[in-house]
Amino acid sequence: MEHEPDGDLSIELLGVLVSVADRLKAEFVAAAQELGLTPQQAGLLARLREPTPMRVLAEYLHCDASNITGIVDRLEAKDLVGRQPDPRDRRVKRVVLTAEGEAVVARLHRGIDEGEAVLAALTSGQRRQLLQLLRPLVGE
């Protein structure tokens, strides 16, 4: 199925998406800063649900593996994460949340929930619908 370009509608939609992204990013940055974290550190913590190889974290954050090493080093110094060898390949290091890291992630999520002014205008059903509409735009 081929889509015809909508011209002005596409431009307006892109403008709204950029504005929403900017507001969401600002809320995330504010929540991270309240916890003494950089946005990159908070982003890594937010994605760390299970022991995860550092190369996977680099893919999540769209950065070089050497950048992840520095981010993990700083989080480890704050006792928020630890490193452990992968049981299948000891050359691979997996990053895991510490108990303190889990507490910080919970506080980060609460901070984001409290600051979700951008999404407050939408009902739960509208949020689900928006999520379904946006997923194809990011390849999901």
N, C-alpha and C. Protein backbone atom coordinates (compact mmCIF):
# COMPACT_ATOMS: atom_id res chain seq x y z
N MET A 1 0.85 -1.18 0.00
CA MET A 1 0.00 0.00 0.00
C MET A 1 0.89 1.24 0.00
N GLU A 2 0.64 2.14 -0.95
CA GLU A 2 1.47 3.33 -1.10
C GLU A 2 0.75 4.53 -0.50
N HIS A 3 1.50 5.37 0.22
CA HIS A 3 0.92 6.55 0.85
C HIS A 3 1.30 7.79 0.05
N GLU A 4 0.32 8.64 -0.16
CA GLU A 4 0.58 9.92 -0.84
C GLU A 4 1.12 10.90 0.19
N PRO A 5 2.11 11.71 -0.20
CA PRO A 5 2.61 12.72 0.74
C PRO A 5 1.52 13.74 1.07
N ASP A 6 1.46 14.15 2.31
CA ASP A 6 0.43 15.09 2.76
C ASP A 6 0.93 16.52 2.86
N GLY A 7 2.15 16.79 2.46
CA GLY A 7 2.67 18.15 2.45
C GLY A 7 2.60 18.85 3.79
N ASP A 8 1.70 19.83 3.89
CA ASP A 8 1.59 20.64 5.10
C ASP A 8 1.25 19.81 6.34
N LEU A 9 0.43 18.79 6.16
CA LEU A 9 0.06 17.93 7.29
C LEU A 9 1.29 17.21 7.83
N SER A 10 2.13 16.71 6.93
CA SER A 10 3.36 16.04 7.36
C SER A 10 4.28 16.99 8.11
N ILE A 11 4.41 18.20 7.61
CA ILE A 11 5.26 19.20 8.26
C ILE A 11 4.72 19.53 9.65
N GLU A 12 3.41 19.71 9.75
CA GLU A 12 2.81 20.01 11.05
C GLU A 12 2.99 18.84 12.02
N LEU A 13 2.79 17.62 11.53
CA LEU A 13 2.96 16.44 12.37
C LEU A 13 4.39 16.32 12.86
N LEU A 14 5.36 16.52 11.99
CA LEU A 14 6.76 16.46 12.40
C LEU A 14 7.07 17.53 13.44
N GLY A 15 6.52 18.72 13.26
CA GLY A 15 6.73 19.79 14.24
C GLY A 15 6.18 19.43 15.61
N VAL A 16 4.98 18.84 15.63
CA VAL A 16 4.37 18.42 16.90
C VAL A 16 5.19 17.30 17.54
N LEU A 17 5.63 16.33 16.75
CA LEU A 17 6.44 15.24 17.30
C LEU A 17 7.74 15.76 17.90
N VAL A 18 8.38 16.70 17.23
CA VAL A 18 9.62 17.28 17.76
C VAL A 18 9.35 18.03 19.05
N SER A 19 8.26 18.78 19.10
CA SER A 19 7.91 19.52 20.33
C SER A 19 7.63 18.57 21.49
N VAL A 20 6.89 17.50 21.23
CA VAL A 20 6.60 16.52 22.27
C VAL A 20 7.90 15.87 22.74
N ALA A 21 8.75 15.48 21.79
CA ALA A 21 10.03 14.86 22.16
C ALA A 21 10.87 15.81 23.01
N ASP A 22 10.90 17.08 22.65
CA ASP A 22 11.67 18.06 23.43
C ASP A 22 11.14 18.17 24.85
N ARG A 23 9.81 18.20 25.01
CA ARG A 23 9.23 18.31 26.35
C ARG A 23 9.49 17.06 27.17
N LEU A 24 9.34 15.89 26.55
CA LEU A 24 9.61 14.63 27.27
C LEU A 24 11.07 14.54 27.68
N LYS A 25 11.96 14.96 26.79
CA LYS A 25 13.38 14.93 27.12
C LYS A 25 13.67 15.87 28.29
N ALA A 26 13.07 17.05 28.28
CA ALA A 26 13.28 18.01 29.36
C ALA A 26 12.81 17.43 30.70
N GLU A 27 11.66 16.73 30.70
CA GLU A 27 11.16 16.10 31.92
C GLU A 27 12.11 15.00 32.40
N PHE A 28 12.63 14.21 31.46
CA PHE A 28 13.55 13.14 31.82
C PHE A 28 14.85 13.71 32.38
N VAL A 29 15.38 14.75 31.74
CA VAL A 29 16.62 15.38 32.21
C VAL A 29 16.42 15.94 33.62
N ALA A 30 15.27 16.58 33.86
CA ALA A 30 15.00 17.14 35.19
C ALA A 30 14.93 16.04 36.24
N ALA A 31 14.25 14.93 35.91
CA ALA A 31 14.16 13.81 36.86
C ALA A 31 15.54 13.23 37.15
N ALA A 32 16.37 13.12 36.11
CA ALA A 32 17.73 12.59 36.29
C ALA A 32 18.56 13.52 37.17
N GLN A 33 18.48 14.81 36.89
CA GLN A 33 19.28 15.78 37.66
C GLN A 33 18.89 15.80 39.13
N GLU A 34 17.61 15.62 39.42
CA GLU A 34 17.18 15.57 40.82
C GLU A 34 17.84 14.42 41.58
N LEU A 35 18.24 13.39 40.85
CA LEU A 35 18.89 12.23 41.47
C LEU A 35 20.40 12.28 41.32
N GLY A 36 20.92 13.39 40.82
CA GLY A 36 22.36 13.53 40.66
C GLY A 36 22.93 12.70 39.52
N LEU A 37 22.11 12.44 38.50
CA LEU A 37 22.52 11.63 37.36
C LEU A 37 22.55 12.46 36.09
N THR A 38 23.41 12.07 35.16
CA THR A 38 23.36 12.65 33.83
C THR A 38 22.23 11.95 33.07
N PRO A 39 21.74 12.55 31.99
CA PRO A 39 20.71 11.86 31.20
C PRO A 39 21.18 10.49 30.69
N GLN A 40 22.46 10.39 30.32
CA GLN A 40 22.98 9.11 29.84
C GLN A 40 22.97 8.06 30.96
N GLN A 41 23.37 8.46 32.15
CA GLN A 41 23.36 7.53 33.28
C GLN A 41 21.93 7.08 33.59
N ALA A 42 21.01 8.03 33.61
CA ALA A 42 19.61 7.70 33.89
C ALA A 42 19.04 6.80 32.80
N GLY A 43 19.39 7.08 31.54
CA GLY A 43 18.91 6.26 30.44
C GLY A 43 19.41 4.83 30.55
N LEU A 44 20.66 4.68 30.93
CA LEU A 44 21.21 3.33 31.10
C LEU A 44 20.49 2.62 32.24
N LEU A 45 20.34 3.29 33.38
CA LEU A 45 19.66 2.66 34.52
C LEU A 45 18.23 2.27 34.17
N ALA A 46 17.53 3.14 33.45
CA ALA A 46 16.13 2.88 33.11
C ALA A 46 15.97 1.65 32.22
N ARG A 47 16.99 1.33 31.44
CA ARG A 47 16.92 0.18 30.54
C ARG A 47 17.45 -1.11 31.16
N LEU A 48 17.99 -1.03 32.33
CA LEU A 48 18.68 -2.16 32.96
C LEU A 48 17.70 -2.97 33.80
N ARG A 49 16.91 -3.82 33.16
CA ARG A 49 15.92 -4.63 33.87
C ARG A 49 16.48 -5.99 34.29
N GLU A 50 17.52 -6.41 33.61
CA GLU A 50 18.17 -7.69 33.89
C GLU A 50 19.64 -7.54 33.56
N PRO A 51 20.49 -8.47 33.98
CA PRO A 51 21.90 -8.36 33.63
C PRO A 51 22.06 -8.24 32.11
N THR A 52 22.74 -7.20 31.68
CA THR A 52 22.81 -6.86 30.26
C THR A 52 24.25 -6.64 29.82
N PRO A 53 24.66 -7.26 28.70
CA PRO A 53 26.01 -7.03 28.19
C PRO A 53 26.23 -5.56 27.84
N MET A 54 27.44 -5.10 28.03
CA MET A 54 27.74 -3.70 27.78
C MET A 54 27.51 -3.32 26.33
N ARG A 55 27.77 -4.22 25.38
CA ARG A 55 27.56 -3.89 23.97
C ARG A 55 26.07 -3.65 23.68
N VAL A 56 25.19 -4.38 24.38
CA VAL A 56 23.75 -4.18 24.22
C VAL A 56 23.36 -2.81 24.76
N LEU A 57 23.94 -2.41 25.89
CA LEU A 57 23.66 -1.08 26.44
C LEU A 57 24.13 0.00 25.47
N ALA A 58 25.26 -0.23 24.80
CA ALA A 58 25.75 0.73 23.81
C ALA A 58 24.74 0.87 22.67
N GLU A 59 24.16 -0.24 22.25
CA GLU A 59 23.14 -0.19 21.19
C GLU A 59 21.91 0.58 21.67
N TYR A 60 21.46 0.30 22.90
CA TYR A 60 20.29 1.00 23.46
C TYR A 60 20.51 2.51 23.45
N LEU A 61 21.70 2.93 23.87
CA LEU A 61 21.98 4.36 24.01
C LEU A 61 22.57 4.97 22.75
N HIS A 62 22.68 4.17 21.70
CA HIS A 62 23.21 4.65 20.41
C HIS A 62 24.56 5.33 20.58
N CYS A 63 25.47 4.65 21.26
CA CYS A 63 26.80 5.21 21.43
C CYS A 63 27.85 4.12 21.36
N ASP A 64 29.09 4.53 21.32
CA ASP A 64 30.21 3.61 21.23
C ASP A 64 30.39 2.87 22.56
N ALA A 65 30.88 1.64 22.47
CA ALA A 65 31.09 0.84 23.68
C ALA A 65 32.04 1.52 24.66
N SER A 66 33.01 2.28 24.15
CA SER A 66 33.93 2.97 25.06
C SER A 66 33.20 4.02 25.90
N ASN A 67 32.16 4.63 25.34
CA ASN A 67 31.35 5.58 26.13
C ASN A 67 30.61 4.86 27.25
N ILE A 68 30.12 3.67 26.96
CA ILE A 68 29.39 2.89 27.97
C ILE A 68 30.31 2.55 29.13
N THR A 69 31.57 2.25 28.83
CA THR A 69 32.52 1.92 29.89
C THR A 69 32.62 3.07 30.88
N GLY A 70 32.72 4.30 30.39
CA GLY A 70 32.80 5.46 31.27
C GLY A 70 31.53 5.68 32.07
N ILE A 71 30.39 5.51 31.42
CA ILE A 71 29.10 5.68 32.11
C ILE A 71 28.97 4.63 33.21
N VAL A 72 29.29 3.38 32.88
CA VAL A 72 29.19 2.30 33.87
C VAL A 72 30.20 2.52 34.99
N ASP A 73 31.41 2.98 34.66
CA ASP A 73 32.40 3.26 35.71
C ASP A 73 31.84 4.25 36.73
N ARG A 74 31.21 5.32 36.24
CA ARG A 74 30.69 6.35 37.14
C ARG A 74 29.49 5.83 37.95
N LEU A 75 28.64 5.02 37.33
CA LEU A 75 27.52 4.43 38.06
C LEU A 75 28.01 3.41 39.09
N GLU A 76 29.06 2.70 38.74
CA GLU A 76 29.63 1.73 39.68
C GLU A 76 30.25 2.45 40.87
N ALA A 77 30.88 3.60 40.62
CA ALA A 77 31.47 4.39 41.71
C ALA A 77 30.39 4.89 42.67
N LYS A 78 29.16 5.07 42.17
CA LYS A 78 28.03 5.50 43.01
C LYS A 78 27.31 4.29 43.61
N ASP A 79 27.82 3.08 43.37
CA ASP A 79 27.24 1.83 43.85
C ASP A 79 25.82 1.61 43.32
N LEU A 80 25.58 2.03 42.07
CA LEU A 80 24.27 1.84 41.46
C LEU A 80 24.24 0.62 40.55
N VAL A 81 25.40 0.23 40.03
CA VAL A 81 25.50 -0.95 39.18
C VAL A 81 26.75 -1.74 39.54
N GLY A 82 26.78 -2.96 39.09
CA GLY A 82 27.98 -3.79 39.21
C GLY A 82 28.21 -4.50 37.89
N ARG A 83 29.36 -5.10 37.76
CA ARG A 83 29.68 -5.88 36.57
C ARG A 83 29.84 -7.34 36.99
N GLN A 84 29.39 -8.23 36.11
CA GLN A 84 29.58 -9.65 36.36
C GLN A 84 29.88 -10.34 35.04
N PRO A 85 30.67 -11.40 35.06
CA PRO A 85 30.94 -12.12 33.82
C PRO A 85 29.68 -12.84 33.33
N ASP A 86 29.54 -12.91 32.02
CA ASP A 86 28.44 -13.67 31.43
C ASP A 86 28.74 -15.15 31.64
N PRO A 87 27.78 -15.93 32.18
CA PRO A 87 28.05 -17.34 32.44
C PRO A 87 28.36 -18.14 31.17
N ARG A 88 27.90 -17.67 30.02
CA ARG A 88 28.15 -18.39 28.77
C ARG A 88 29.45 -17.97 28.10
N ASP A 89 29.94 -16.75 28.43
CA ASP A 89 31.17 -16.25 27.81
C ASP A 89 31.83 -15.29 28.80
N ARG A 90 32.83 -15.77 29.51
CA ARG A 90 33.44 -14.98 30.58
C ARG A 90 34.13 -13.72 30.06
N ARG A 91 34.37 -13.64 28.76
CA ARG A 91 34.97 -12.41 28.21
C ARG A 91 33.96 -11.26 28.21
N VAL A 92 32.68 -11.60 28.21
CA VAL A 92 31.61 -10.60 28.15
C VAL A 92 31.26 -10.18 29.57
N LYS A 93 31.19 -8.87 29.77
CA LYS A 93 30.77 -8.33 31.07
C LYS A 93 29.31 -7.89 30.97
N ARG A 94 28.54 -8.31 31.97
CA ARG A 94 27.15 -7.88 32.05
C ARG A 94 27.03 -6.85 33.17
N VAL A 95 26.19 -5.88 32.95
CA VAL A 95 25.95 -4.83 33.94
C VAL A 95 24.66 -5.19 34.67
N VAL A 96 24.70 -5.09 36.00
CA VAL A 96 23.54 -5.42 36.83
C VAL A 96 23.27 -4.28 37.81
N LEU A 97 22.01 -4.08 38.12
CA LEU A 97 21.65 -3.10 39.14
C LEU A 97 22.00 -3.63 40.52
N THR A 98 22.49 -2.75 41.37
CA THR A 98 22.64 -3.08 42.79
C THR A 98 21.31 -2.76 43.47
N ALA A 99 21.20 -3.09 44.74
CA ALA A 99 19.99 -2.74 45.50
C ALA A 99 19.79 -1.22 45.48
N GLU A 100 20.88 -0.47 45.66
CA GLU A 100 20.78 0.99 45.61
C GLU A 100 20.36 1.45 44.22
N GLY A 101 20.87 0.79 43.19
CA GLY A 101 20.49 1.12 41.82
C GLY A 101 19.01 0.89 41.57
N GLU A 102 18.48 -0.21 42.11
CA GLU A 102 17.04 -0.48 41.97
C GLU A 102 16.22 0.60 42.64
N ALA A 103 16.66 1.06 43.80
CA ALA A 103 15.95 2.13 44.51
C ALA A 103 15.99 3.43 43.71
N VAL A 104 17.13 3.72 43.10
CA VAL A 104 17.26 4.95 42.30
C VAL A 104 16.37 4.86 41.06
N VAL A 105 16.32 3.69 40.42
CA VAL A 105 15.45 3.52 39.25
C VAL A 105 13.99 3.73 39.64
N ALA A 106 13.58 3.20 40.78
CA ALA A 106 12.20 3.41 41.25
C ALA A 106 11.93 4.89 41.46
N ARG A 107 12.89 5.61 42.05
CA ARG A 107 12.73 7.06 42.25
C ARG A 107 12.72 7.80 40.92
N LEU A 108 13.53 7.36 39.98
CA LEU A 108 13.55 7.96 38.64
C LEU A 108 12.19 7.80 37.97
N HIS A 109 11.62 6.59 38.05
CA HIS A 109 10.31 6.36 37.45
C HIS A 109 9.23 7.20 38.12
N ARG A 110 9.31 7.33 39.46
CA ARG A 110 8.33 8.19 40.16
C ARG A 110 8.48 9.63 39.71
N GLY A 111 9.72 10.09 39.56
CA GLY A 111 9.96 11.46 39.11
C GLY A 111 9.43 11.70 37.72
N ILE A 112 9.57 10.72 36.85
CA ILE A 112 9.05 10.85 35.49
C ILE A 112 7.52 10.83 35.54
N ASP A 113 6.94 9.93 36.34
CA ASP A 113 5.48 9.86 36.46
C ASP A 113 4.91 11.18 36.97
N GLU A 114 5.57 11.77 37.96
CA GLU A 114 5.09 13.03 38.52
C GLU A 114 5.20 14.17 37.51
N GLY A 115 6.17 14.09 36.64
CA GLY A 115 6.40 15.18 35.69
C GLY A 115 5.84 14.94 34.31
N GLU A 116 4.93 13.99 34.18
CA GLU A 116 4.45 13.64 32.86
C GLU A 116 3.37 14.59 32.34
N ALA A 117 3.58 15.86 32.51
CA ALA A 117 2.62 16.86 32.06
C ALA A 117 2.32 16.74 30.57
N VAL A 118 3.29 16.30 29.80
CA VAL A 118 3.11 16.18 28.36
C VAL A 118 1.99 15.19 28.05
N LEU A 119 1.91 14.11 28.79
CA LEU A 119 0.93 13.06 28.51
C LEU A 119 -0.35 13.21 29.32
N ALA A 120 -0.39 14.16 30.22
CA ALA A 120 -1.54 14.30 31.12
C ALA A 120 -2.85 14.57 30.38
N ALA A 121 -2.77 15.15 29.19
CA ALA A 121 -3.98 15.48 28.44
C ALA A 121 -4.61 14.25 27.78
N LEU A 122 -3.91 13.12 27.81
CA LEU A 122 -4.41 11.92 27.15
C LEU A 122 -4.93 10.91 28.17
N THR A 123 -6.02 10.25 27.81
CA THR A 123 -6.52 9.16 28.65
C THR A 123 -5.60 7.95 28.47
N SER A 124 -5.78 6.96 29.30
CA SER A 124 -4.99 5.73 29.20
C SER A 124 -5.20 5.08 27.83
N GLY A 125 -6.44 5.05 27.38
CA GLY A 125 -6.75 4.47 26.06
C GLY A 125 -6.09 5.24 24.93
N GLN A 126 -6.10 6.56 25.03
CA GLN A 126 -5.44 7.38 24.01
C GLN A 126 -3.93 7.15 24.01
N ARG A 127 -3.36 6.96 25.19
CA ARG A 127 -1.92 6.69 25.28
C ARG A 127 -1.58 5.37 24.59
N ARG A 128 -2.41 4.34 24.83
CA ARG A 128 -2.19 3.04 24.17
C ARG A 128 -2.29 3.19 22.65
N GLN A 129 -3.30 3.93 22.21
CA GLN A 129 -3.49 4.13 20.77
C GLN A 129 -2.30 4.89 20.17
N LEU A 130 -1.85 5.92 20.85
CA LEU A 130 -0.70 6.69 20.37
C LEU A 130 0.54 5.80 20.29
N LEU A 131 0.72 4.97 21.29
CA LEU A 131 1.86 4.05 21.29
C LEU A 131 1.81 3.12 20.08
N GLN A 132 0.64 2.59 19.78
CA GLN A 132 0.49 1.71 18.61
C GLN A 132 0.78 2.46 17.31
N LEU A 133 0.39 3.72 17.24
CA LEU A 133 0.64 4.51 16.03
C LEU A 133 2.11 4.87 15.87
N LEU A 134 2.81 5.09 16.97
CA LEU A 134 4.20 5.54 16.91
C LEU A 134 5.20 4.39 16.76
N ARG A 135 4.87 3.22 17.23
CA ARG A 135 5.82 2.09 17.18
C ARG A 135 6.39 1.84 15.78
N PRO A 136 5.58 1.84 14.73
CA PRO A 136 6.17 1.62 13.39
C PRO A 136 7.19 2.69 12.99
N LEU A 137 7.09 3.86 13.57
CA LEU A 137 8.03 4.93 13.22
C LEU A 137 9.43 4.66 13.77
N VAL A 138 9.52 3.81 14.79
CA VAL A 138 10.83 3.47 15.36
C VAL A 138 11.20 2.01 15.10
N GLY A 139 10.50 1.39 14.15
CA GLY A 139 10.84 0.05 13.74
C GLY A 139 10.40 -1.06 14.66
N GLU A 140 9.38 -0.82 15.45
CA GLU A 140 8.86 -1.88 16.35
C GLU A 140 7.61 -2.49 15.78
